[in-house]
Amino acid sequence: MISSNDFRTGVSIELDGSVWRVVEFLHVKPGKGSAFVRTKLKNVQSGNVMERTFRAGETVPQANLEKTVKQFTYKDAEQFVFMDMETYEESRLNSDQIGDRVKYLKEGMEVSVLTWNDQVLEVELPNSVVLEVTETDPGVKGDTATGGTKPAIVETGAQVMVPLFITVGEKIKVDTRNDSYLGREN
């Protein structure tokens, strides 16, 4: 159990049979009446957001989440196969369980898998990955870093906006959180 006084951004709680993550919180002490905590909660499974008010000191069950490091080994039809780095057991996830970051999965990549009651909630990729550009318009002499951007397809099939001077075969660093180009990789 966790008290509403201990709510912080990122804390996970159980409400109505599902896991909710605290996105925002505000402790309010009105001049008249008792104190309360106003929160914005996001459902980890569905992504829905709701606002809820708790009395100060009210206790709610804290979600027991388990985070394990797994390595992406290969794709089998519509399923992605991961190996647990401690027990070497294989587990299979589909693209719905991984989410939109599936476009950055590369063989051999280590990810964190967040589970609750043996149910996969989230697959966390590294914040940045190094990928090879497989398709883009050719660079022209005189293209500079400040001249603009063009679309490029990387080895995993994801499309990223890159500077005009990037050519096919170059390795680039991509931010998986917002699909942005971070720089060339040596």
C-alpha atoms as a PDB file:
ATOM      1  CA  MET A   1       0.000   0.000   0.000  1.00  0.00           C
ATOM      2  CA  ILE A   2       1.116   3.538  -0.709  1.00  0.00           C
ATOM      3  CA  SER A   3      -0.197   6.752   0.800  1.00  0.00           C
ATOM      4  CA  SER A   4      -1.465   9.514  -1.480  1.00  0.00           C
ATOM      5  CA  ASN A   5       1.036  11.775   0.316  1.00  0.00           C
ATOM      6  CA  ASP A   6       3.860   9.689  -1.224  1.00  0.00           C
ATOM      7  CA  PHE A   7       2.673  10.071  -4.841  1.00  0.00           C
ATOM      8  CA  ARG A   8       5.442  11.141  -7.219  1.00  0.00           C
ATOM      9  CA  THR A   9       5.636  11.240 -10.998  1.00  0.00           C
ATOM     10  CA  GLY A  10       6.170   7.703 -12.305  1.00  0.00           C
ATOM     11  CA  VAL A  11       4.703   5.851  -9.287  1.00  0.00           C
ATOM     12  CA  SER A  12       2.468   2.935 -10.356  1.00  0.00           C
ATOM     13  CA  ILE A  13      -0.723   2.086  -8.463  1.00  0.00           C
ATOM     14  CA  GLU A  14      -3.563  -0.405  -8.875  1.00  0.00           C
ATOM     15  CA  LEU A  15      -7.068   0.977  -9.362  1.00  0.00           C
ATOM     16  CA  ASP A  16     -10.153  -0.863 -10.622  1.00  0.00           C
ATOM     17  CA  GLY A  17      -8.144  -3.960 -11.563  1.00  0.00           C
ATOM     18  CA  SER A  18      -5.553  -2.241 -13.753  1.00  0.00           C
ATOM     19  CA  VAL A  19      -2.242  -0.429 -13.422  1.00  0.00           C
ATOM     20  CA  TRP A  20      -2.147   3.382 -13.456  1.00  0.00           C
ATOM     21  CA  ARG A  21       0.984   5.550 -13.516  1.00  0.00           C
ATOM     22  CA  VAL A  22       1.031   8.980 -11.845  1.00  0.00           C
ATOM     23  CA  VAL A  23       1.740  11.569 -14.555  1.00  0.00           C
ATOM     24  CA  GLU A  24       1.078  14.720 -12.499  1.00  0.00           C
ATOM     25  CA  PHE A  25       0.253  15.340  -8.850  1.00  0.00           C
ATOM     26  CA  LEU A  26      -0.541  18.378  -6.730  1.00  0.00           C
ATOM     27  CA  HIS A  27      -0.906  18.494  -2.947  1.00  0.00           C
ATOM     28  CA  VAL A  28      -3.655  20.989  -2.074  1.00  0.00           C
ATOM     29  CA  LYS A  29      -4.265  22.386   1.424  1.00  0.00           C
ATOM     30  CA  PRO A  30      -7.330  24.644   1.259  1.00  0.00           C
ATOM     31  CA  GLY A  31      -7.904  27.253   3.961  1.00  0.00           C
ATOM     32  CA  LYS A  32     -11.084  25.483   5.018  1.00  0.00           C
ATOM     33  CA  GLY A  33     -11.500  21.709   4.966  1.00  0.00           C
ATOM     34  CA  SER A  34      -9.053  18.862   4.751  1.00  0.00           C
ATOM     35  CA  ALA A  35      -6.059  18.520   2.423  1.00  0.00           C
ATOM     36  CA  PHE A  36      -6.222  16.444  -0.746  1.00  0.00           C
ATOM     37  CA  VAL A  37      -4.037  15.274  -3.629  1.00  0.00           C
ATOM     38  CA  ARG A  38      -5.142  16.032  -7.200  1.00  0.00           C
ATOM     39  CA  THR A  39      -3.563  13.610  -9.712  1.00  0.00           C
ATOM     40  CA  LYS A  40      -3.472  12.879 -13.407  1.00  0.00           C
ATOM     41  CA  LEU A  41      -3.170   9.117 -13.966  1.00  0.00           C
ATOM     42  CA  LYS A  42      -2.355   7.197 -17.152  1.00  0.00           C
ATOM     43  CA  ASN A  43      -3.490   3.613 -17.660  1.00  0.00           C
ATOM     44  CA  VAL A  44      -0.377   1.610 -18.553  1.00  0.00           C
ATOM     45  CA  GLN A  45      -2.306  -1.011 -20.551  1.00  0.00           C
ATOM     46  CA  SER A  46      -4.671   1.166 -22.597  1.00  0.00           C
ATOM     47  CA  GLY A  47      -3.022   4.593 -22.490  1.00  0.00           C
ATOM     48  CA  ASN A  48      -6.180   6.309 -21.211  1.00  0.00           C
ATOM     49  CA  VAL A  49      -5.660   9.351 -18.993  1.00  0.00           C
ATOM     50  CA  MET A  50      -7.908  10.373 -16.101  1.00  0.00           C
ATOM     51  CA  GLU A  51      -7.854  12.913 -13.324  1.00  0.00           C
ATOM     52  CA  ARG A  52      -8.642  11.754  -9.805  1.00  0.00           C
ATOM     53  CA  THR A  53      -8.595  13.351  -6.372  1.00  0.00           C
ATOM     54  CA  PHE A  54      -7.482  11.449  -3.252  1.00  0.00           C
ATOM     55  CA  ARG A  55      -7.853  12.504   0.370  1.00  0.00           C
ATOM     56  CA  ALA A  56      -4.514  13.312   2.000  1.00  0.00           C
ATOM     57  CA  GLY A  57      -3.160  10.139   3.594  1.00  0.00           C
ATOM     58  CA  GLU A  58      -5.532   7.826   1.700  1.00  0.00           C
ATOM     59  CA  THR A  59      -3.845   4.514   0.896  1.00  0.00           C
ATOM     60  CA  VAL A  60      -4.082   2.663  -2.398  1.00  0.00           C
ATOM     61  CA  PRO A  61      -2.403  -0.571  -3.482  1.00  0.00           C
ATOM     62  CA  GLN A  62       0.949  -0.068  -5.192  1.00  0.00           C
ATOM     63  CA  ALA A  63       1.388  -2.093  -8.373  1.00  0.00           C
ATOM     64  CA  ASN A  64       4.080  -4.770  -8.107  1.00  0.00           C
ATOM     65  CA  LEU A  65       5.794  -4.390 -11.445  1.00  0.00           C
ATOM     66  CA  GLU A  66       8.647  -6.632 -12.495  1.00  0.00           C
ATOM     67  CA  LYS A  67      11.293  -5.408 -14.925  1.00  0.00           C
ATOM     68  CA  THR A  68      13.471  -7.962 -16.704  1.00  0.00           C
ATOM     69  CA  VAL A  69      16.208  -7.455 -19.285  1.00  0.00           C
ATOM     70  CA  LYS A  70      15.633  -9.463 -22.446  1.00  0.00           C
ATOM     71  CA  GLN A  71      17.458  -9.658 -25.753  1.00  0.00           C
ATOM     72  CA  PHE A  72      15.596  -9.546 -29.059  1.00  0.00           C
ATOM     73  CA  THR A  73      16.789 -12.611 -30.969  1.00  0.00           C
ATOM     74  CA  TYR A  74      14.600 -12.917 -34.085  1.00  0.00           C
ATOM     75  CA  LYS A  75      11.154 -12.410 -35.615  1.00  0.00           C
ATOM     76  CA  ASP A  76       9.025 -15.502 -36.196  1.00  0.00           C
ATOM     77  CA  ALA A  77       6.077 -14.703 -38.501  1.00  0.00           C
ATOM     78  CA  GLU A  78       4.066 -12.111 -36.527  1.00  0.00           C
ATOM     79  CA  GLN A  79       5.805 -12.734 -33.199  1.00  0.00           C
ATOM     80  CA  PHE A  80       9.020 -11.314 -31.796  1.00  0.00           C
ATOM     81  CA  VAL A  81      11.212 -13.745 -29.829  1.00  0.00           C
ATOM     82  CA  PHE A  82      13.085 -12.474 -26.776  1.00  0.00           C
ATOM     83  CA  MET A  83      15.595 -14.311 -24.563  1.00  0.00           C
ATOM     84  CA  ASP A  84      15.794 -13.627 -20.833  1.00  0.00           C
ATOM     85  CA  MET A  85      19.396 -12.615 -20.082  1.00  0.00           C
ATOM     86  CA  GLU A  86      19.454 -14.408 -16.689  1.00  0.00           C
ATOM     87  CA  THR A  87      17.520 -17.639 -17.247  1.00  0.00           C
ATOM     88  CA  TYR A  88      18.010 -17.927 -21.046  1.00  0.00           C
ATOM     89  CA  GLU A  89      14.308 -18.717 -21.462  1.00  0.00           C
ATOM     90  CA  GLU A  90      12.581 -17.566 -24.624  1.00  0.00           C
ATOM     91  CA  SER A  91       9.367 -15.563 -24.647  1.00  0.00           C
ATOM     92  CA  ARG A  92       7.279 -14.398 -27.573  1.00  0.00           C
ATOM     93  CA  LEU A  93       5.543 -11.046 -27.895  1.00  0.00           C
ATOM     94  CA  ASN A  94       3.404  -9.645 -30.682  1.00  0.00           C
ATOM     95  CA  SER A  95       3.645  -6.128 -32.074  1.00  0.00           C
ATOM     96  CA  ASP A  96       0.626  -4.940 -30.023  1.00  0.00           C
ATOM     97  CA  GLN A  97       2.488  -5.733 -26.786  1.00  0.00           C
ATOM     98  CA  ILE A  98       5.621  -3.905 -27.949  1.00  0.00           C
ATOM     99  CA  GLY A  99       3.846  -0.849 -29.312  1.00  0.00           C
ATOM    100  CA  ASP A 100       4.991   1.648 -31.922  1.00  0.00           C
ATOM    101  CA  ARG A 101       8.665   1.301 -30.995  1.00  0.00           C
ATOM    102  CA  VAL A 102       8.703  -2.063 -32.789  1.00  0.00           C
ATOM    103  CA  LYS A 103      10.108  -0.188 -35.807  1.00  0.00           C
ATOM    104  CA  TYR A 104      13.462   0.194 -34.002  1.00  0.00           C
ATOM    105  CA  LEU A 105      13.910  -3.436 -32.876  1.00  0.00           C
ATOM    106  CA  LYS A 106      17.190  -4.843 -34.140  1.00  0.00           C
ATOM    107  CA  GLU A 107      18.537  -8.369 -33.591  1.00  0.00           C
ATOM    108  CA  GLY A 108      20.757  -8.534 -30.512  1.00  0.00           C
ATOM    109  CA  MET A 109      19.210  -5.427 -28.926  1.00  0.00           C
ATOM    110  CA  GLU A 110      18.614  -5.568 -25.163  1.00  0.00           C
ATOM    111  CA  VAL A 111      15.275  -4.205 -23.934  1.00  0.00           C
ATOM    112  CA  SER A 112      13.525  -3.939 -20.564  1.00  0.00           C
ATOM    113  CA  VAL A 113      10.205  -5.769 -20.349  1.00  0.00           C
ATOM    114  CA  LEU A 114       7.791  -4.501 -17.681  1.00  0.00           C
ATOM    115  CA  THR A 115       5.294  -7.128 -16.440  1.00  0.00           C
ATOM    116  CA  TRP A 116       2.433  -7.136 -13.934  1.00  0.00           C
ATOM    117  CA  ASN A 117       0.728 -10.411 -12.901  1.00  0.00           C
ATOM    118  CA  ASP A 118       2.532 -12.231 -15.770  1.00  0.00           C
ATOM    119  CA  GLN A 119       1.051  -9.745 -18.255  1.00  0.00           C
ATOM    120  CA  VAL A 120       3.414  -7.662 -20.416  1.00  0.00           C
ATOM    121  CA  LEU A 121       2.676  -3.973 -19.919  1.00  0.00           C
ATOM    122  CA  GLU A 122       5.508  -2.257 -21.714  1.00  0.00           C
ATOM    123  CA  VAL A 123       8.682  -2.910 -23.661  1.00  0.00           C
ATOM    124  CA  GLU A 124      11.293  -0.199 -23.091  1.00  0.00           C
ATOM    125  CA  LEU A 125      13.913   0.227 -25.801  1.00  0.00           C
ATOM    126  CA  PRO A 126      17.162   2.107 -25.259  1.00  0.00           C
ATOM    127  CA  ASN A 127      16.729   5.886 -25.632  1.00  0.00           C
ATOM    128  CA  SER A 128      18.902   5.878 -28.742  1.00  0.00           C
ATOM    129  CA  VAL A 129      19.909   3.268 -31.302  1.00  0.00           C
ATOM    130  CA  VAL A 130      22.501   3.175 -34.080  1.00  0.00           C
ATOM    131  CA  LEU A 131      21.013   2.159 -37.427  1.00  0.00           C
ATOM    132  CA  GLU A 132      22.261   2.049 -41.001  1.00  0.00           C
ATOM    133  CA  VAL A 133      20.540   4.143 -43.671  1.00  0.00           C
ATOM    134  CA  THR A 134      19.318   1.819 -46.438  1.00  0.00           C
ATOM    135  CA  GLU A 135      17.364   4.240 -48.603  1.00  0.00           C
ATOM    136  CA  THR A 136      17.397   8.013 -49.061  1.00  0.00           C
ATOM    137  CA  ASP A 137      17.732  10.609 -51.797  1.00  0.00           C
ATOM    138  CA  PRO A 138      21.347  11.132 -52.859  1.00  0.00           C
ATOM    139  CA  GLY A 139      23.301  13.945 -51.259  1.00  0.00           C
ATOM    140  CA  VAL A 140      24.355  16.805 -53.498  1.00  0.00           C
ATOM    141  CA  LYS A 141      27.574  18.791 -53.167  1.00  0.00           C
ATOM    142  CA  GLY A 142      26.878  21.888 -51.105  1.00  0.00           C
ATOM    143  CA  ASP A 143      24.295  20.268 -48.805  1.00  0.00           C
ATOM    144  CA  THR A 144      24.965  21.433 -45.266  1.00  0.00           C
ATOM    145  CA  ALA A 145      23.816  20.530 -41.802  1.00  0.00           C
ATOM    146  CA  THR A 146      21.620  23.630 -41.587  1.00  0.00           C
ATOM    147  CA  GLY A 147      20.143  23.324 -45.052  1.00  0.00           C
ATOM    148  CA  GLY A 148      17.099  21.206 -44.266  1.00  0.00           C
ATOM    149  CA  THR A 149      16.046  17.590 -43.924  1.00  0.00           C
ATOM    150  CA  LYS A 150      14.934  14.674 -46.060  1.00  0.00           C
ATOM    151  CA  PRO A 151      13.314  11.304 -45.257  1.00  0.00           C
ATOM    152  CA  ALA A 152      15.538   8.256 -44.883  1.00  0.00           C
ATOM    153  CA  ILE A 153      14.652   4.587 -44.389  1.00  0.00           C
ATOM    154  CA  VAL A 154      16.875   2.741 -41.895  1.00  0.00           C
ATOM    155  CA  GLU A 155      17.697  -0.986 -41.705  1.00  0.00           C
ATOM    156  CA  THR A 156      14.697  -1.784 -39.481  1.00  0.00           C
ATOM    157  CA  GLY A 157      12.246  -0.167 -41.909  1.00  0.00           C
ATOM    158  CA  ALA A 158      11.590   2.983 -39.854  1.00  0.00           C
ATOM    159  CA  GLN A 159      11.518   6.375 -41.544  1.00  0.00           C
ATOM    160  CA  VAL A 160      13.581   9.162 -39.969  1.00  0.00           C
ATOM    161  CA  MET A 161      14.104  12.761 -41.077  1.00  0.00           C
ATOM    162  CA  VAL A 162      17.856  13.324 -41.585  1.00  0.00           C
ATOM    163  CA  PRO A 163      20.033  16.230 -42.799  1.00  0.00           C
ATOM    164  CA  LEU A 164      20.560  16.544 -46.561  1.00  0.00           C
ATOM    165  CA  PHE A 165      24.192  15.348 -46.445  1.00  0.00           C
ATOM    166  CA  ILE A 166      23.376  11.835 -45.123  1.00  0.00           C
ATOM    167  CA  THR A 167      23.882   9.107 -47.752  1.00  0.00           C
ATOM    168  CA  VAL A 168      22.959   5.425 -48.091  1.00  0.00           C
ATOM    169  CA  GLY A 169      25.200   3.149 -46.012  1.00  0.00           C
ATOM    170  CA  GLU A 170      25.943   5.661 -43.238  1.00  0.00           C
ATOM    171  CA  LYS A 171      25.249   4.739 -39.642  1.00  0.00           C
ATOM    172  CA  ILE A 172      23.163   7.274 -37.739  1.00  0.00           C
ATOM    173  CA  LYS A 173      22.015   7.598 -34.138  1.00  0.00           C
ATOM    174  CA  VAL A 174      18.219   7.868 -33.700  1.00  0.00           C
ATOM    175  CA  ASP A 175      16.232   8.872 -30.590  1.00  0.00           C
ATOM    176  CA  THR A 176      13.574   6.140 -30.125  1.00  0.00           C
ATOM    177  CA  ARG A 177      11.372   8.371 -27.948  1.00  0.00           C
ATOM    178  CA  ASN A 178      10.609  10.988 -30.602  1.00  0.00           C
ATOM    179  CA  ASP A 179      11.959   9.495 -33.884  1.00  0.00           C
ATOM    180  CA  SER A 180      14.566  12.223 -34.286  1.00  0.00           C
ATOM    181  CA  TYR A 181      18.050  12.167 -35.834  1.00  0.00           C
ATOM    182  CA  LEU A 182      20.795  12.640 -33.209  1.00  0.00           C
ATOM    183  CA  GLY A 183      23.930  12.493 -35.356  1.00  0.00           C
ATOM    184  CA  ARG A 184      26.302  10.305 -37.312  1.00  0.00           C
ATOM    185  CA  GLU A 185      27.896   7.298 -35.686  1.00  0.00           C
ATOM    186  CA  ASN A 186      31.587   6.601 -36.307  1.00  0.00           C
END
